[in-house]
Amino acid sequence: MAEKREFSRITYVAGGTLQYRDTTLNCRLENISMSGALVTIRNSTITDFQPGNICLLKLYDELEDRHITIEALIAHYAFAYAGLTFINFDVATQISLEMIMERGNNSVSQASSFGI
């Protein structure tokens, strides 16, 4: 089955949190696109974190010195990995995501030009 993605993904490793109901979960962002992200959830014993539920992804963009909060739908969850689909983000968050994507795409282009 061929994957159909509207937006490209970039590797973007950063710490963050997921706010799920009354629980804050530490997570690590693995990759990101304009429509979603893959995160690893650390040290969680939560049992009702499952696809179809809503959470808030909170991360910090060091280069922009800005906290970003994005409402997300849990698309899949297996082992410690959660695939999130972004829903409801404002213009400022969209601009921050676009800047992250641009930086990520530039670093990939630069790495490729150096044979990395």
PDB file of N, CA and C in Angstrom:
ATOM      1  N   MET A   1       0.842  -1.174   0.000  1.00  0.00           N
ATOM      2  CA  MET A   1       0.000   0.000   0.000  1.00  0.00           C
ATOM      3  C   MET A   1       0.892   1.244   0.000  1.00  0.00           C
ATOM      4  N   ALA A   2       0.674   2.114  -0.936  1.00  0.00           N
ATOM      5  CA  ALA A   2       1.473   3.339  -1.038  1.00  0.00           C
ATOM      6  C   ALA A   2       0.984   4.372  -0.029  1.00  0.00           C
ATOM      7  N   GLU A   3       1.952   5.045   0.582  1.00  0.00           N
ATOM      8  CA  GLU A   3       1.621   6.107   1.533  1.00  0.00           C
ATOM      9  C   GLU A   3       1.232   7.363   0.781  1.00  0.00           C
ATOM     10  N   LYS A   4       0.188   8.027   1.246  1.00  0.00           N
ATOM     11  CA  LYS A   4      -0.215   9.297   0.656  1.00  0.00           C
ATOM     12  C   LYS A   4      -0.109  10.354   1.736  1.00  0.00           C
ATOM     13  N   ARG A   5       0.879  11.221   1.612  1.00  0.00           N
ATOM     14  CA  ARG A   5       1.085  12.294   2.572  1.00  0.00           C
ATOM     15  C   ARG A   5       0.927  13.625   1.880  1.00  0.00           C
ATOM     16  N   GLU A   6       0.179  14.498   2.531  1.00  0.00           N
ATOM     17  CA  GLU A   6      -0.012  15.829   1.974  1.00  0.00           C
ATOM     18  C   GLU A   6       1.219  16.697   2.195  1.00  0.00           C
ATOM     19  N   PHE A   7       1.926  16.492   3.317  1.00  0.00           N
ATOM     20  CA  PHE A   7       3.093  17.290   3.663  1.00  0.00           C
ATOM     21  C   PHE A   7       4.278  16.375   3.909  1.00  0.00           C
ATOM     22  N   SER A   8       5.478  16.855   3.573  1.00  0.00           N
ATOM     23  CA  SER A   8       6.674  16.065   3.846  1.00  0.00           C
ATOM     24  C   SER A   8       7.028  16.153   5.325  1.00  0.00           C
ATOM     25  N   ARG A   9       7.728  15.123   5.783  1.00  0.00           N
ATOM     26  CA  ARG A   9       8.177  15.078   7.176  1.00  0.00           C
ATOM     27  C   ARG A   9       9.651  15.384   7.229  1.00  0.00           C
ATOM     28  N   ILE A  10      10.077  15.942   8.365  1.00  0.00           N
ATOM     29  CA  ILE A  10      11.502  16.118   8.613  1.00  0.00           C
ATOM     30  C   ILE A  10      11.817  15.515   9.973  1.00  0.00           C
ATOM     31  N   THR A  11      13.041  15.045  10.114  1.00  0.00           N
ATOM     32  CA  THR A  11      13.490  14.603  11.425  1.00  0.00           C
ATOM     33  C   THR A  11      13.700  15.846  12.270  1.00  0.00           C
ATOM     34  N   TYR A  12      13.086  15.862  13.419  1.00  0.00           N
ATOM     35  CA  TYR A  12      13.185  17.019  14.306  1.00  0.00           C
ATOM     36  C   TYR A  12      13.132  16.479  15.725  1.00  0.00           C
ATOM     37  N   VAL A  13      14.278  16.284  16.322  1.00  0.00           N
ATOM     38  CA  VAL A  13      14.346  15.699  17.650  1.00  0.00           C
ATOM     39  C   VAL A  13      14.356  16.821  18.681  1.00  0.00           C
ATOM     40  N   ALA A  14      13.352  16.792  19.550  1.00  0.00           N
ATOM     41  CA  ALA A  14      13.227  17.814  20.596  1.00  0.00           C
ATOM     42  C   ALA A  14      12.403  17.243  21.734  1.00  0.00           C
ATOM     43  N   GLY A  15      12.626  17.764  22.914  1.00  0.00           N
ATOM     44  CA  GLY A  15      11.830  17.364  24.062  1.00  0.00           C
ATOM     45  C   GLY A  15      10.514  18.119  24.073  1.00  0.00           C
ATOM     46  N   GLY A  16       9.540  17.547  24.730  1.00  0.00           N
ATOM     47  CA  GLY A  16       8.247  18.204  24.845  1.00  0.00           C
ATOM     48  C   GLY A  16       7.378  17.483  25.845  1.00  0.00           C
ATOM     49  N   THR A  17       6.137  17.886  25.894  1.00  0.00           N
ATOM     50  CA  THR A  17       5.157  17.208  26.743  1.00  0.00           C
ATOM     51  C   THR A  17       3.868  17.017  25.964  1.00  0.00           C
ATOM     52  N   LEU A  18       3.123  16.023  26.374  1.00  0.00           N
ATOM     53  CA  LEU A  18       1.768  15.813  25.883  1.00  0.00           C
ATOM     54  C   LEU A  18       0.841  15.998  27.073  1.00  0.00           C
ATOM     55  N   GLN A  19      -0.115  16.872  26.932  1.00  0.00           N
ATOM     56  CA  GLN A  19      -1.140  17.037  27.957  1.00  0.00           C
ATOM     57  C   GLN A  19      -2.316  16.170  27.521  1.00  0.00           C
ATOM     58  N   TYR A  20      -2.595  15.150  28.308  1.00  0.00           N
ATOM     59  CA  TYR A  20      -3.673  14.216  27.986  1.00  0.00           C
ATOM     60  C   TYR A  20      -4.578  14.102  29.189  1.00  0.00           C
ATOM     61  N   ARG A  21      -5.784  14.600  29.022  1.00  0.00           N
ATOM     62  CA  ARG A  21      -6.733  14.677  30.124  1.00  0.00           C
ATOM     63  C   ARG A  21      -6.080  15.405  31.288  1.00  0.00           C
ATOM     64  N   ASP A  22      -5.941  14.784  32.439  1.00  0.00           N
ATOM     65  CA  ASP A  22      -5.338  15.452  33.597  1.00  0.00           C
ATOM     66  C   ASP A  22      -3.875  15.069  33.790  1.00  0.00           C
ATOM     67  N   THR A  23      -3.281  14.459  32.779  1.00  0.00           N
ATOM     68  CA  THR A  23      -1.923  13.938  32.902  1.00  0.00           C
ATOM     69  C   THR A  23      -0.978  14.654  31.929  1.00  0.00           C
ATOM     70  N   THR A  24       0.215  14.977  32.410  1.00  0.00           N
ATOM     71  CA  THR A  24       1.264  15.515  31.553  1.00  0.00           C
ATOM     72  C   THR A  24       2.299  14.425  31.344  1.00  0.00           C
ATOM     73  N   LEU A  25       2.527  14.084  30.088  1.00  0.00           N
ATOM     74  CA  LEU A  25       3.466  13.025  29.728  1.00  0.00           C
ATOM     75  C   LEU A  25       4.702  13.649  29.088  1.00  0.00           C
ATOM     76  N   ASN A  26       5.882  13.262  29.535  1.00  0.00           N
ATOM     77  CA  ASN A  26       7.107  13.702  28.866  1.00  0.00           C
ATOM     78  C   ASN A  26       7.236  12.932  27.562  1.00  0.00           C
ATOM     79  N   CYS A  27       7.643  13.640  26.527  1.00  0.00           N
ATOM     80  CA  CYS A  27       7.788  12.980  25.239  1.00  0.00           C
ATOM     81  C   CYS A  27       9.001  13.534  24.501  1.00  0.00           C
ATOM     82  N   ARG A  28       9.355  12.825  23.461  1.00  0.00           N
ATOM     83  CA  ARG A  28      10.441  13.258  22.582  1.00  0.00           C
ATOM     84  C   ARG A  28       9.886  13.283  21.170  1.00  0.00           C
ATOM     85  N   LEU A  29       9.974  14.419  20.543  1.00  0.00           N
ATOM     86  CA  LEU A  29       9.532  14.577  19.163  1.00  0.00           C
ATOM     87  C   LEU A  29      10.563  13.901  18.267  1.00  0.00           C
ATOM     88  N   GLU A  30      10.107  13.014  17.390  1.00  0.00           N
ATOM     89  CA  GLU A  30      11.003  12.282  16.489  1.00  0.00           C
ATOM     90  C   GLU A  30      11.014  12.896  15.094  1.00  0.00           C
ATOM     91  N   ASN A  31       9.816  13.199  14.585  1.00  0.00           N
ATOM     92  CA  ASN A  31       9.716  13.887  13.302  1.00  0.00           C
ATOM     93  C   ASN A  31       8.442  14.706  13.282  1.00  0.00           C
ATOM     94  N   ILE A  32       8.376  15.622  12.320  1.00  0.00           N
ATOM     95  CA  ILE A  32       7.264  16.561  12.288  1.00  0.00           C
ATOM     96  C   ILE A  32       6.959  16.942  10.846  1.00  0.00           C
ATOM     97  N   SER A  33       5.711  17.291  10.599  1.00  0.00           N
ATOM     98  CA  SER A  33       5.283  17.854   9.322  1.00  0.00           C
ATOM     99  C   SER A  33       4.277  18.953   9.643  1.00  0.00           C
ATOM    100  N   MET A  34       3.746  19.571   8.632  1.00  0.00           N
ATOM    101  CA  MET A  34       2.737  20.605   8.857  1.00  0.00           C
ATOM    102  C   MET A  34       1.420  20.006   9.327  1.00  0.00           C
ATOM    103  N   SER A  35       1.261  18.697   9.197  1.00  0.00           N
ATOM    104  CA  SER A  35      -0.010  18.083   9.573  1.00  0.00           C
ATOM    105  C   SER A  35       0.079  17.131  10.766  1.00  0.00           C
ATOM    106  N   GLY A  36       1.282  16.860  11.269  1.00  0.00           N
ATOM    107  CA  GLY A  36       1.372  15.936  12.387  1.00  0.00           C
ATOM    108  C   GLY A  36       2.795  15.682  12.839  1.00  0.00           C
ATOM    109  N   ALA A  37       2.919  14.765  13.782  1.00  0.00           N
ATOM    110  CA  ALA A  37       4.232  14.450  14.348  1.00  0.00           C
ATOM    111  C   ALA A  37       4.248  13.024  14.872  1.00  0.00           C
ATOM    112  N   LEU A  38       5.454  12.501  14.997  1.00  0.00           N
ATOM    113  CA  LEU A  38       5.678  11.225  15.669  1.00  0.00           C
ATOM    114  C   LEU A  38       6.438  11.527  16.942  1.00  0.00           C
ATOM    115  N   VAL A  39       5.924  11.043  18.067  1.00  0.00           N
ATOM    116  CA  VAL A  39       6.583  11.262  19.353  1.00  0.00           C
ATOM    117  C   VAL A  39       6.805   9.936  20.060  1.00  0.00           C
ATOM    118  N   THR A  40       7.816   9.928  20.902  1.00  0.00           N
ATOM    119  CA  THR A  40       8.060   8.811  21.806  1.00  0.00           C
ATOM    120  C   THR A  40       7.639   9.271  23.189  1.00  0.00           C
ATOM    121  N   ILE A  41       6.793   8.491  23.837  1.00  0.00           N
ATOM    122  CA  ILE A  41       6.337   8.837  25.177  1.00  0.00           C
ATOM    123  C   ILE A  41       7.228   8.125  26.185  1.00  0.00           C
ATOM    124  N   ARG A  42       7.718   8.896  27.147  1.00  0.00           N
ATOM    125  CA  ARG A  42       8.672   8.360  28.117  1.00  0.00           C
ATOM    126  C   ARG A  42       7.984   7.955  29.418  1.00  0.00           C
ATOM    127  N   ASN A  43       8.364   6.809  29.929  1.00  0.00           N
ATOM    128  CA  ASN A  43       7.980   6.347  31.267  1.00  0.00           C
ATOM    129  C   ASN A  43       6.500   6.531  31.582  1.00  0.00           C
ATOM    130  N   SER A  44       5.652   6.031  30.723  1.00  0.00           N
ATOM    131  CA  SER A  44       4.222   6.199  30.947  1.00  0.00           C
ATOM    132  C   SER A  44       3.564   4.878  31.296  1.00  0.00           C
ATOM    133  N   THR A  45       2.673   4.952  32.245  1.00  0.00           N
ATOM    134  CA  THR A  45       1.861   3.785  32.595  1.00  0.00           C
ATOM    135  C   THR A  45       0.398   4.050  32.271  1.00  0.00           C
ATOM    136  N   ILE A  46       0.152   5.109  31.514  1.00  0.00           N
ATOM    137  CA  ILE A  46      -1.216   5.483  31.164  1.00  0.00           C
ATOM    138  C   ILE A  46      -1.848   4.376  30.324  1.00  0.00           C
ATOM    139  N   THR A  47      -3.087   4.051  30.616  1.00  0.00           N
ATOM    140  CA  THR A  47      -3.724   2.919  29.937  1.00  0.00           C
ATOM    141  C   THR A  47      -4.790   3.323  28.927  1.00  0.00           C
ATOM    142  N   ASP A  48      -5.294   4.548  28.988  1.00  0.00           N
ATOM    143  CA  ASP A  48      -6.372   4.927  28.070  1.00  0.00           C
ATOM    144  C   ASP A  48      -5.917   5.879  26.969  1.00  0.00           C
ATOM    145  N   PHE A  49      -4.614   5.997  26.761  1.00  0.00           N
ATOM    146  CA  PHE A  49      -4.056   6.805  25.674  1.00  0.00           C
ATOM    147  C   PHE A  49      -4.225   5.993  24.404  1.00  0.00           C
ATOM    148  N   GLN A  50      -5.187   6.367  23.558  1.00  0.00           N
ATOM    149  CA  GLN A  50      -5.482   5.542  22.399  1.00  0.00           C
ATOM    150  C   GLN A  50      -5.957   6.368  21.212  1.00  0.00           C
ATOM    151  N   PRO A  51      -5.876   5.787  20.018  1.00  0.00           N
ATOM    152  CA  PRO A  51      -6.301   6.500  18.818  1.00  0.00           C
ATOM    153  C   PRO A  51      -7.732   7.031  18.946  1.00  0.00           C
ATOM    154  N   GLY A  52      -7.908   8.235  18.398  1.00  0.00           N
ATOM    155  CA  GLY A  52      -9.217   8.865  18.438  1.00  0.00           C
ATOM    156  C   GLY A  52      -9.356   9.895  19.545  1.00  0.00           C
ATOM    157  N   ASN A  53      -8.461   9.845  20.528  1.00  0.00           N
ATOM    158  CA  ASN A  53      -8.509  10.804  21.625  1.00  0.00           C
ATOM    159  C   ASN A  53      -7.697  12.052  21.275  1.00  0.00           C
ATOM    160  N   ILE A  54      -7.975  13.133  21.991  1.00  0.00           N
ATOM    161  CA  ILE A  54      -7.332  14.427  21.753  1.00  0.00           C
ATOM    162  C   ILE A  54      -6.299  14.699  22.845  1.00  0.00           C
ATOM    163  N   CYS A  55      -5.189  15.328  22.467  1.00  0.00           N
ATOM    164  CA  CYS A  55      -4.165  15.742  23.426  1.00  0.00           C
ATOM    165  C   CYS A  55      -3.574  17.073  22.974  1.00  0.00           C
ATOM    166  N   LEU A  56      -2.732  17.658  23.799  1.00  0.00           N
ATOM    167  CA  LEU A  56      -2.007  18.874  23.440  1.00  0.00           C
ATOM    168  C   LEU A  56      -0.520  18.560  23.407  1.00  0.00           C
ATOM    169  N   LEU A  57       0.124  18.827  22.292  1.00  0.00           N
ATOM    170  CA  LEU A  57       1.571  18.692  22.180  1.00  0.00           C
ATOM    171  C   LEU A  57       2.181  20.044  22.499  1.00  0.00           C
ATOM    172  N   LYS A  58       3.094  20.059  23.461  1.00  0.00           N
ATOM    173  CA  LYS A  58       3.775  21.301  23.825  1.00  0.00           C
ATOM    174  C   LYS A  58       5.264  21.104  23.607  1.00  0.00           C
ATOM    175  N   LEU A  59       5.861  22.009  22.836  1.00  0.00           N
ATOM    176  CA  LEU A  59       7.295  21.930  22.607  1.00  0.00           C
ATOM    177  C   LEU A  59       7.885  23.326  22.613  1.00  0.00           C
ATOM    178  N   TYR A  60       9.183  23.371  22.694  1.00  0.00           N
ATOM    179  CA  TYR A  60       9.887  24.647  22.761  1.00  0.00           C
ATOM    180  C   TYR A  60      10.821  24.748  21.576  1.00  0.00           C
ATOM    181  N   ASP A  61      10.655  25.795  20.794  1.00  0.00           N
ATOM    182  CA  ASP A  61      11.527  26.065  19.654  1.00  0.00           C
ATOM    183  C   ASP A  61      12.639  26.987  20.146  1.00  0.00           C
ATOM    184  N   GLU A  62      13.824  26.419  20.354  1.00  0.00           N
ATOM    185  CA  GLU A  62      14.947  27.182  20.917  1.00  0.00           C
ATOM    186  C   GLU A  62      15.386  28.325  20.008  1.00  0.00           C
ATOM    187  N   LEU A  63      15.418  28.099  18.707  1.00  0.00           N
ATOM    188  CA  LEU A  63      15.889  29.147  17.796  1.00  0.00           C
ATOM    189  C   LEU A  63      14.954  30.352  17.780  1.00  0.00           C
ATOM    190  N   GLU A  64      13.681  30.111  17.942  1.00  0.00           N
ATOM    191  CA  GLU A  64      12.716  31.212  17.954  1.00  0.00           C
ATOM    192  C   GLU A  64      12.387  31.658  19.377  1.00  0.00           C
ATOM    193  N   ASP A  65      12.930  30.931  20.371  1.00  0.00           N
ATOM    194  CA  ASP A  65      12.659  31.228  21.784  1.00  0.00           C
ATOM    195  C   ASP A  65      11.151  31.353  22.016  1.00  0.00           C
ATOM    196  N   ARG A  66      10.438  30.292  21.594  1.00  0.00           N
ATOM    197  CA  ARG A  66       8.979  30.326  21.653  1.00  0.00           C
ATOM    198  C   ARG A  66       8.432  28.962  22.028  1.00  0.00           C
ATOM    199  N   HIS A  67       7.448  28.960  22.923  1.00  0.00           N
ATOM    200  CA  HIS A  67       6.720  27.734  23.248  1.00  0.00           C
ATOM    201  C   HIS A  67       5.607  27.561  22.219  1.00  0.00           C
ATOM    202  N   ILE A  68       5.431  26.342  21.771  1.00  0.00           N
ATOM    203  CA  ILE A  68       4.412  26.032  20.771  1.00  0.00           C
ATOM    204  C   ILE A  68       3.479  24.984  21.375  1.00  0.00           C
ATOM    205  N   THR A  69       2.184  25.238  21.295  1.00  0.00           N
ATOM    206  CA  THR A  69       1.183  24.285  21.766  1.00  0.00           C
ATOM    207  C   THR A  69       0.241  23.980  20.613  1.00  0.00           C
ATOM    208  N   ILE A  70       0.081  22.687  20.330  1.00  0.00           N
ATOM    209  CA  ILE A  70      -0.745  22.266  19.201  1.00  0.00           C
ATOM    210  C   ILE A  70      -1.722  21.189  19.660  1.00  0.00           C
ATOM    211  N   GLU A  71      -2.998  21.411  19.388  1.00  0.00           N
ATOM    212  CA  GLU A  71      -4.002  20.390  19.660  1.00  0.00           C
ATOM    213  C   GLU A  71      -3.838  19.289  18.623  1.00  0.00           C
ATOM    214  N   ALA A  72      -3.894  18.039  19.075  1.00  0.00           N
ATOM    215  CA  ALA A  72      -3.645  16.920  18.161  1.00  0.00           C
ATOM    216  C   ALA A  72      -4.575  15.750  18.460  1.00  0.00           C
ATOM    217  N   LEU A  73      -4.864  15.023  17.408  1.00  0.00           N
ATOM    218  CA  LEU A  73      -5.625  13.788  17.492  1.00  0.00           C
ATOM    219  C   LEU A  73      -4.622  12.642  17.516  1.00  0.00           C
ATOM    220  N   ILE A  74      -4.797  11.709  18.413  1.00  0.00           N
ATOM    221  CA  ILE A  74      -3.925  10.529  18.448  1.00  0.00           C
ATOM    222  C   ILE A  74      -4.349   9.631  17.286  1.00  0.00           C
ATOM    223  N   ALA A  75      -3.477   9.523  16.285  1.00  0.00           N
ATOM    224  CA  ALA A  75      -3.785   8.728  15.092  1.00  0.00           C
ATOM    225  C   ALA A  75      -3.439   7.252  15.303  1.00  0.00           C
ATOM    226  N   HIS A  76      -2.307   7.012  15.965  1.00  0.00           N
ATOM    227  CA  HIS A  76      -1.943   5.633  16.313  1.00  0.00           C
ATOM    228  C   HIS A  76      -1.034   5.657  17.531  1.00  0.00           C
ATOM    229  N   TYR A  77      -1.014   4.551  18.239  1.00  0.00           N
ATOM    230  CA  TYR A  77      -0.181   4.424  19.430  1.00  0.00           C
ATOM    231  C   TYR A  77       0.242   2.967  19.557  1.00  0.00           C
ATOM    232  N   ALA A  78       1.537   2.724  19.512  1.00  0.00           N
ATOM    233  CA  ALA A  78       2.073   1.377  19.658  1.00  0.00           C
ATOM    234  C   ALA A  78       3.398   1.453  20.399  1.00  0.00           C
ATOM    235  N   PHE A  79       3.549   0.593  21.366  1.00  0.00           N
ATOM    236  CA  PHE A  79       4.731   0.575  22.213  1.00  0.00           C
ATOM    237  C   PHE A  79       4.878   1.963  22.820  1.00  0.00           C
ATOM    238  N   ALA A  80       5.942   2.670  22.582  1.00  0.00           N
ATOM    239  CA  ALA A  80       6.100   4.007  23.154  1.00  0.00           C
ATOM    240  C   ALA A  80       5.900   5.105  22.117  1.00  0.00           C
ATOM    241  N   TYR A  81       5.500   4.730  20.909  1.00  0.00           N
ATOM    242  CA  TYR A  81       5.372   5.695  19.813  1.00  0.00           C
ATOM    243  C   TYR A  81       3.919   6.115  19.603  1.00  0.00           C
ATOM    244  N   ALA A  82       3.735   7.421  19.428  1.00  0.00           N
ATOM    245  CA  ALA A  82       2.402   7.946  19.126  1.00  0.00           C
ATOM    246  C   ALA A  82       2.482   8.803  17.863  1.00  0.00           C
ATOM    247  N   GLY A  83       1.616   8.505  16.928  1.00  0.00           N
ATOM    248  CA  GLY A  83       1.473   9.334  15.734  1.00  0.00           C
ATOM    249  C   GLY A  83       0.346  10.319  15.976  1.00  0.00           C
ATOM    250  N   LEU A  84       0.633  11.597  15.804  1.00  0.00           N
ATOM    251  CA  LEU A  84      -0.342  12.644  16.079  1.00  0.00           C
ATOM    252  C   LEU A  84      -0.720  13.369  14.800  1.00  0.00           C
ATOM    253  N   THR A  85      -1.986  13.686  14.656  1.00  0.00           N
ATOM    254  CA  THR A  85      -2.480  14.515  13.562  1.00  0.00           C
ATOM    255  C   THR A  85      -2.881  15.852  14.154  1.00  0.00           C
ATOM    256  N   PHE A  86      -2.284  16.925  13.650  1.00  0.00           N
ATOM    257  CA  PHE A  86      -2.569  18.247  14.198  1.00  0.00           C
ATOM    258  C   PHE A  86      -3.971  18.706  13.807  1.00  0.00           C
ATOM    259  N   ILE A  87      -4.642  19.330  14.775  1.00  0.00           N
ATOM    260  CA  ILE A  87      -5.940  19.952  14.537  1.00  0.00           C
ATOM    261  C   ILE A  87      -5.932  21.295  15.252  1.00  0.00           C
ATOM    262  N   ASN A  88      -6.649  22.231  14.719  1.00  0.00           N
ATOM    263  CA  ASN A  88      -6.837  23.530  15.391  1.00  0.00           C
ATOM    264  C   ASN A  88      -5.563  24.199  15.868  1.00  0.00           C
ATOM    265  N   PHE A  89      -4.796  24.780  14.958  1.00  0.00           N
ATOM    266  CA  PHE A  89      -3.706  25.634  15.421  1.00  0.00           C
ATOM    267  C   PHE A  89      -3.826  27.005  14.786  1.00  0.00           C
ATOM    268  N   ASP A  90      -3.350  27.998  15.517  1.00  0.00           N
ATOM    269  CA  ASP A  90      -3.501  29.388  15.087  1.00  0.00           C
ATOM    270  C   ASP A  90      -2.422  29.780  14.082  1.00  0.00           C
ATOM    271  N   VAL A  91      -2.535  31.003  13.571  1.00  0.00           N
ATOM    272  CA  VAL A  91      -1.609  31.491  12.549  1.00  0.00           C
ATOM    273  C   VAL A  91      -0.175  31.539  13.074  1.00  0.00           C
ATOM    274  N   ALA A  92       0.008  31.983  14.319  1.00  0.00           N
ATOM    275  CA  ALA A  92       1.361  32.051  14.889  1.00  0.00           C
ATOM    276  C   ALA A  92       1.993  30.662  14.965  1.00  0.00           C
ATOM    277  N   THR A  93       1.205  29.665  15.332  1.00  0.00           N
ATOM    278  CA  THR A  93       1.717  28.291  15.389  1.00  0.00           C
ATOM    279  C   THR A  93       2.024  27.786  13.988  1.00  0.00           C
ATOM    280  N   GLN A  94       1.181  28.115  13.021  1.00  0.00           N
ATOM    281  CA  GLN A  94       1.438  27.718  11.638  1.00  0.00           C
ATOM    282  C   GLN A  94       2.753  28.311  11.148  1.00  0.00           C
ATOM    283  N   ILE A  95       2.990  29.578  11.454  1.00  0.00           N
ATOM    284  CA  ILE A  95       4.243  30.228  11.046  1.00  0.00           C
ATOM    285  C   ILE A  95       5.429  29.550  11.713  1.00  0.00           C
ATOM    286  N   SER A  96       5.307  29.221  13.003  1.00  0.00           N
ATOM    287  CA  SER A  96       6.392  28.520  13.708  1.00  0.00           C
ATOM    288  C   SER A  96       6.675  27.169  13.068  1.00  0.00           C
ATOM    289  N   LEU A  97       5.623  26.420  12.732  1.00  0.00           N
ATOM    290  CA  LEU A  97       5.805  25.126  12.077  1.00  0.00           C
ATOM    291  C   LEU A  97       6.478  25.286  10.713  1.00  0.00           C
ATOM    292  N   GLU A  98       6.066  26.298   9.959  1.00  0.00           N
ATOM    293  CA  GLU A  98       6.682  26.541   8.653  1.00  0.00           C
ATOM    294  C   GLU A  98       8.164  26.859   8.797  1.00  0.00           C
ATOM    295  N   MET A  99       8.520  27.634   9.821  1.00  0.00           N
ATOM    296  CA  MET A  99       9.934  27.968  10.050  1.00  0.00           C
ATOM    297  C   MET A  99      10.728  26.730  10.445  1.00  0.00           C
ATOM    298  N   ILE A 100      10.151  25.875  11.287  1.00  0.00           N
ATOM    299  CA  ILE A 100      10.815  24.620  11.676  1.00  0.00           C
ATOM    300  C   ILE A 100      11.030  23.762  10.432  1.00  0.00           C
ATOM    301  N   MET A 101      10.004  23.645   9.601  1.00  0.00           N
ATOM    302  CA  MET A 101      10.114  22.834   8.386  1.00  0.00           C
ATOM    303  C   MET A 101      11.168  23.396   7.447  1.00  0.00           C
ATOM    304  N   GLU A 102      11.196  24.709   7.300  1.00  0.00           N
ATOM    305  CA  GLU A 102      12.195  25.331   6.426  1.00  0.00           C
ATOM    306  C   GLU A 102      13.606  25.080   6.935  1.00  0.00           C
ATOM    307  N   ARG A 103      13.814  25.244   8.236  1.00  0.00           N
ATOM    308  CA  ARG A 103      15.140  24.975   8.814  1.00  0.00           C
ATOM    309  C   ARG A 103      15.529  23.520   8.612  1.00  0.00           C
ATOM    310  N   GLY A 104      14.573  22.622   8.811  1.00  0.00           N
ATOM    311  CA  GLY A 104      14.846  21.200   8.641  1.00  0.00           C
ATOM    312  C   GLY A 104      15.181  20.853   7.208  1.00  0.00           C
ATOM    313  N   ASN A 105      14.431  21.417   6.274  1.00  0.00           N
ATOM    314  CA  ASN A 105      14.706  21.162   4.856  1.00  0.00           C
ATOM    315  C   ASN A 105      16.044  21.749   4.440  1.00  0.00           C
ATOM    316  N   ASN A 106      16.407  22.920   4.970  1.00  0.00           N
ATOM    317  CA  ASN A 106      17.708  23.514   4.654  1.00  0.00           C
ATOM    318  C   ASN A 106      18.842  22.671   5.200  1.00  0.00           C
ATOM    319  N   SER A 107      18.683  22.129   6.407  1.00  0.00           N
ATOM    320  CA  SER A 107      19.764  21.321   6.989  1.00  0.00           C
ATOM    321  C   SER A 107      19.924  20.017   6.216  1.00  0.00           C
ATOM    322  N   VAL A 108      18.835  19.453   5.700  1.00  0.00           N
ATOM    323  CA  VAL A 108      18.933  18.248   4.883  1.00  0.00           C
ATOM    324  C   VAL A 108      19.652  18.576   3.577  1.00  0.00           C
ATOM    325  N   SER A 109      19.309  19.714   2.961  1.00  0.00           N
ATOM    326  CA  SER A 109      19.950  20.123   1.711  1.00  0.00           C
ATOM    327  C   SER A 109      21.437  20.366   1.932  1.00  0.00           C
ATOM    328  N   GLN A 110      21.789  21.024   3.032  1.00  0.00           N
ATOM    329  CA  GLN A 110      23.189  21.283   3.321  1.00  0.00           C
ATOM    330  C   GLN A 110      23.937  19.980   3.581  1.00  0.00           C
ATOM    331  N   ALA A 111      23.324  19.069   4.332  1.00  0.00           N
ATOM    332  CA  ALA A 111      23.974  17.794   4.608  1.00  0.00           C
ATOM    333  C   ALA A 111      24.183  17.016   3.306  1.00  0.00           C
ATOM    334  N   SER A 112      23.186  17.038   2.427  1.00  0.00           N
ATOM    335  CA  SER A 112      23.308  16.330   1.154  1.00  0.00           C
ATOM    336  C   SER A 112      24.431  16.917   0.312  1.00  0.00           C
ATOM    337  N   SER A 113      24.595  18.236   0.342  1.00  0.00           N
ATOM    338  CA  SER A 113      25.635  18.859  -0.469  1.00  0.00           C
ATOM    339  C   SER A 113      27.036  18.538   0.054  1.00  0.00           C
ATOM    340  N   PHE A 114      27.129  18.129   1.319  1.00  0.00           N
ATOM    341  CA  PHE A 114      28.410  17.734   1.876  1.00  0.00           C
ATOM    342  C   PHE A 114      28.601  16.225   1.849  1.00  0.00           C
ATOM    343  N   GLY A 115      27.645  15.499   1.251  1.00  0.00           N
ATOM    344  CA  GLY A 115      27.764  14.059   1.139  1.00  0.00           C
ATOM    345  C   GLY A 115      27.455  13.332   2.420  1.00  0.00           C
ATOM    346  N   ILE A 116      26.701  13.966   3.297  1.00  0.00           N
ATOM    347  CA  ILE A 116      26.341  13.318   4.567  1.00  0.00           C
ATOM    348  C   ILE A 116      25.071  12.535   4.387  1.00  0.00           C
TER     349      ILE A 116
END
